[in-house]
């Protein structure tokens, strides 16, 4: 079982590619960073506010 501190809602500054949003979400929900990043890139092909959501999370999520 992981500790609550390792599953906090924050951007991952150690394993980031752009801003650490996908990596932070993966850590929070116990998923693979690669799976979350690939899911985000694939979702960008679909219509919707993916980039806006990423920017909002970038601004809202604390650095961790």
N, C-alpha and C. Protein backbone atom coordinates (compact mmCIF):
# COMPACT_ATOMS: atom_id res chain seq x y z
N UNK A 1 0.85 -1.18 0.00
CA UNK A 1 0.00 0.00 0.00
C UNK A 1 0.89 1.24 0.00
N UNK A 2 0.50 2.23 -0.77
CA UNK A 2 1.30 3.45 -0.85
C UNK A 2 0.86 4.42 0.23
N UNK A 3 1.79 5.25 0.64
CA UNK A 3 1.48 6.23 1.67
C UNK A 3 0.68 7.39 1.07
N UNK A 4 -0.12 8.07 1.88
CA UNK A 4 -0.89 9.21 1.38
C UNK A 4 -0.02 10.31 0.80
N UNK A 5 1.18 10.48 1.32
CA UNK A 5 2.06 11.53 0.82
C UNK A 5 2.50 11.25 -0.62
N UNK A 6 2.64 9.98 -0.98
CA UNK A 6 3.07 9.66 -2.34
C UNK A 6 1.92 9.75 -3.33
N UNK A 7 0.67 9.85 -2.85
CA UNK A 7 -0.48 9.92 -3.74
C UNK A 7 -1.17 11.27 -3.67
N UNK A 8 -0.44 12.31 -3.30
CA UNK A 8 -1.05 13.63 -3.18
C UNK A 8 -1.31 14.23 -4.57
N UNK A 9 -2.19 15.21 -4.60
CA UNK A 9 -2.58 15.87 -5.84
C UNK A 9 -1.62 17.03 -6.09
N UNK A 10 -0.56 16.75 -6.85
CA UNK A 10 0.40 17.80 -7.19
C UNK A 10 1.14 17.39 -8.46
N UNK A 11 1.75 18.39 -9.11
CA UNK A 11 2.54 18.10 -10.30
C UNK A 11 3.83 17.41 -9.90
N UNK A 12 4.27 16.46 -10.70
CA UNK A 12 5.50 15.72 -10.43
C UNK A 12 6.65 16.45 -11.11
N UNK A 13 7.53 17.05 -10.32
CA UNK A 13 8.63 17.83 -10.90
C UNK A 13 9.83 16.97 -11.25
N UNK A 14 9.89 15.74 -10.77
CA UNK A 14 11.02 14.87 -11.06
C UNK A 14 10.85 14.10 -12.36
N UNK A 15 9.62 13.71 -12.69
CA UNK A 15 9.37 12.89 -13.87
C UNK A 15 8.54 13.64 -14.91
N UNK A 16 8.71 14.93 -15.00
CA UNK A 16 7.88 15.71 -15.92
C UNK A 16 8.46 15.69 -17.33
N UNK A 17 7.57 15.88 -18.30
CA UNK A 17 7.97 16.06 -19.69
C UNK A 17 7.73 17.51 -20.08
N UNK A 18 6.53 18.00 -19.81
CA UNK A 18 6.22 19.41 -20.08
C UNK A 18 6.06 20.15 -18.75
N UNK A 19 5.00 19.85 -18.03
CA UNK A 19 4.77 20.55 -16.77
C UNK A 19 4.57 19.61 -15.59
N UNK A 20 4.51 18.31 -15.84
CA UNK A 20 4.33 17.33 -14.78
C UNK A 20 2.89 17.04 -14.45
N UNK A 21 1.95 17.53 -15.26
CA UNK A 21 0.53 17.32 -14.98
C UNK A 21 0.17 15.84 -15.15
N UNK A 22 0.50 15.24 -16.27
CA UNK A 22 0.16 13.83 -16.51
C UNK A 22 0.85 12.93 -15.49
N UNK A 23 2.08 13.22 -15.19
CA UNK A 23 2.83 12.44 -14.22
C UNK A 23 2.23 12.58 -12.82
N UNK A 24 1.81 13.77 -12.47
CA UNK A 24 1.16 13.99 -11.18
C UNK A 24 -0.18 13.29 -11.08
N UNK A 25 -0.96 13.32 -12.15
CA UNK A 25 -2.24 12.62 -12.16
C UNK A 25 -2.02 11.11 -12.07
N UNK A 26 -1.02 10.61 -12.77
CA UNK A 26 -0.72 9.18 -12.71
C UNK A 26 -0.33 8.76 -11.30
N UNK A 27 0.49 9.57 -10.64
CA UNK A 27 0.89 9.28 -9.26
C UNK A 27 -0.32 9.30 -8.34
N UNK A 28 -1.18 10.28 -8.51
CA UNK A 28 -2.35 10.44 -7.63
C UNK A 28 -3.29 9.25 -7.73
N UNK A 29 -3.50 8.74 -8.95
CA UNK A 29 -4.47 7.66 -9.15
C UNK A 29 -3.82 6.28 -9.26
N UNK A 30 -2.51 6.20 -9.05
CA UNK A 30 -1.83 4.92 -9.04
C UNK A 30 -1.69 4.28 -10.41
N UNK A 31 -1.57 5.09 -11.45
CA UNK A 31 -1.44 4.60 -12.82
C UNK A 31 -0.02 4.79 -13.33
N UNK A 32 0.27 4.18 -14.45
CA UNK A 32 1.56 4.35 -15.09
C UNK A 32 1.63 5.74 -15.73
N UNK A 33 2.77 6.42 -15.57
CA UNK A 33 2.94 7.73 -16.20
C UNK A 33 2.81 7.63 -17.72
N UNK A 34 3.36 6.58 -18.28
CA UNK A 34 3.31 6.39 -19.74
C UNK A 34 1.88 6.23 -20.23
N UNK A 35 1.08 5.47 -19.51
CA UNK A 35 -0.32 5.25 -19.91
C UNK A 35 -1.09 6.57 -19.90
N UNK A 36 -0.90 7.38 -18.87
CA UNK A 36 -1.60 8.66 -18.79
C UNK A 36 -1.14 9.60 -19.90
N UNK A 37 0.14 9.64 -20.18
CA UNK A 37 0.66 10.51 -21.25
C UNK A 37 0.14 10.08 -22.61
N UNK A 38 0.16 8.77 -22.88
CA UNK A 38 -0.34 8.27 -24.17
C UNK A 38 -1.83 8.54 -24.30
N UNK A 39 -2.58 8.34 -23.22
CA UNK A 39 -4.02 8.62 -23.25
C UNK A 39 -4.28 10.08 -23.55
N UNK A 40 -3.49 10.99 -22.98
CA UNK A 40 -3.66 12.41 -23.25
C UNK A 40 -3.37 12.73 -24.71
N UNK A 41 -2.27 12.20 -25.24
CA UNK A 41 -1.90 12.47 -26.63
C UNK A 41 -2.95 11.92 -27.58
N UNK A 42 -3.43 10.71 -27.32
CA UNK A 42 -4.47 10.11 -28.16
C UNK A 42 -5.76 10.93 -28.06
N UNK A 43 -6.09 11.41 -26.88
CA UNK A 43 -7.32 12.20 -26.71
C UNK A 43 -7.25 13.53 -27.46
N UNK A 44 -6.05 14.01 -27.74
CA UNK A 44 -5.91 15.28 -28.46
C UNK A 44 -6.39 15.17 -29.91
N UNK A 45 -6.51 13.96 -30.41
CA UNK A 45 -7.03 13.76 -31.77
C UNK A 45 -8.53 13.99 -31.79
N UNK A 46 -9.19 13.77 -30.66
CA UNK A 46 -10.63 13.94 -30.56
C UNK A 46 -10.96 15.41 -30.29
N UNK A 47 -12.16 15.83 -30.70
CA UNK A 47 -12.54 17.21 -30.39
C UNK A 47 -12.81 17.37 -28.90
N UNK A 48 -12.43 18.51 -28.39
CA UNK A 48 -12.66 18.78 -26.97
C UNK A 48 -11.61 19.71 -26.41
N UNK A 49 -11.78 20.07 -25.16
CA UNK A 49 -10.91 21.06 -24.52
C UNK A 49 -9.70 20.45 -23.80
N UNK A 50 -9.02 19.48 -24.42
CA UNK A 50 -7.91 18.81 -23.74
C UNK A 50 -6.79 19.76 -23.39
N UNK A 51 -6.39 20.62 -24.32
CA UNK A 51 -5.30 21.55 -24.05
C UNK A 51 -5.69 22.58 -22.99
N UNK A 52 -6.94 23.00 -23.02
CA UNK A 52 -7.41 23.96 -22.02
C UNK A 52 -7.42 23.29 -20.64
N UNK A 53 -7.87 22.04 -20.57
CA UNK A 53 -7.87 21.30 -19.31
C UNK A 53 -6.45 21.14 -18.79
N UNK A 54 -5.50 20.85 -19.68
CA UNK A 54 -4.10 20.70 -19.28
C UNK A 54 -3.57 22.02 -18.71
N UNK A 55 -3.86 23.12 -19.39
CA UNK A 55 -3.40 24.43 -18.92
C UNK A 55 -4.02 24.80 -17.57
N UNK A 56 -5.29 24.48 -17.40
CA UNK A 56 -5.96 24.76 -16.12
C UNK A 56 -5.34 23.92 -15.01
N UNK A 57 -5.09 22.63 -15.28
CA UNK A 57 -4.46 21.79 -14.27
C UNK A 57 -3.04 22.27 -13.97
N UNK A 58 -2.35 22.73 -14.99
CA UNK A 58 -1.00 23.26 -14.81
C UNK A 58 -1.02 24.45 -13.83
N UNK A 59 -2.04 25.29 -13.95
CA UNK A 59 -2.16 26.46 -13.09
C UNK A 59 -2.68 26.11 -11.69
N UNK A 60 -3.53 25.10 -11.59
CA UNK A 60 -4.19 24.78 -10.33
C UNK A 60 -3.38 23.81 -9.46
N UNK A 61 -2.74 22.83 -10.08
CA UNK A 61 -2.00 21.81 -9.32
C UNK A 61 -0.73 22.42 -8.71
N UNK A 62 -0.54 22.25 -7.43
CA UNK A 62 0.70 22.75 -6.82
C UNK A 62 1.91 21.93 -7.26
N UNK A 63 3.07 22.55 -7.25
CA UNK A 63 4.29 21.85 -7.58
C UNK A 63 4.64 20.91 -6.44
N UNK A 64 5.03 19.68 -6.77
CA UNK A 64 5.29 18.74 -5.69
C UNK A 64 6.51 18.03 -5.78
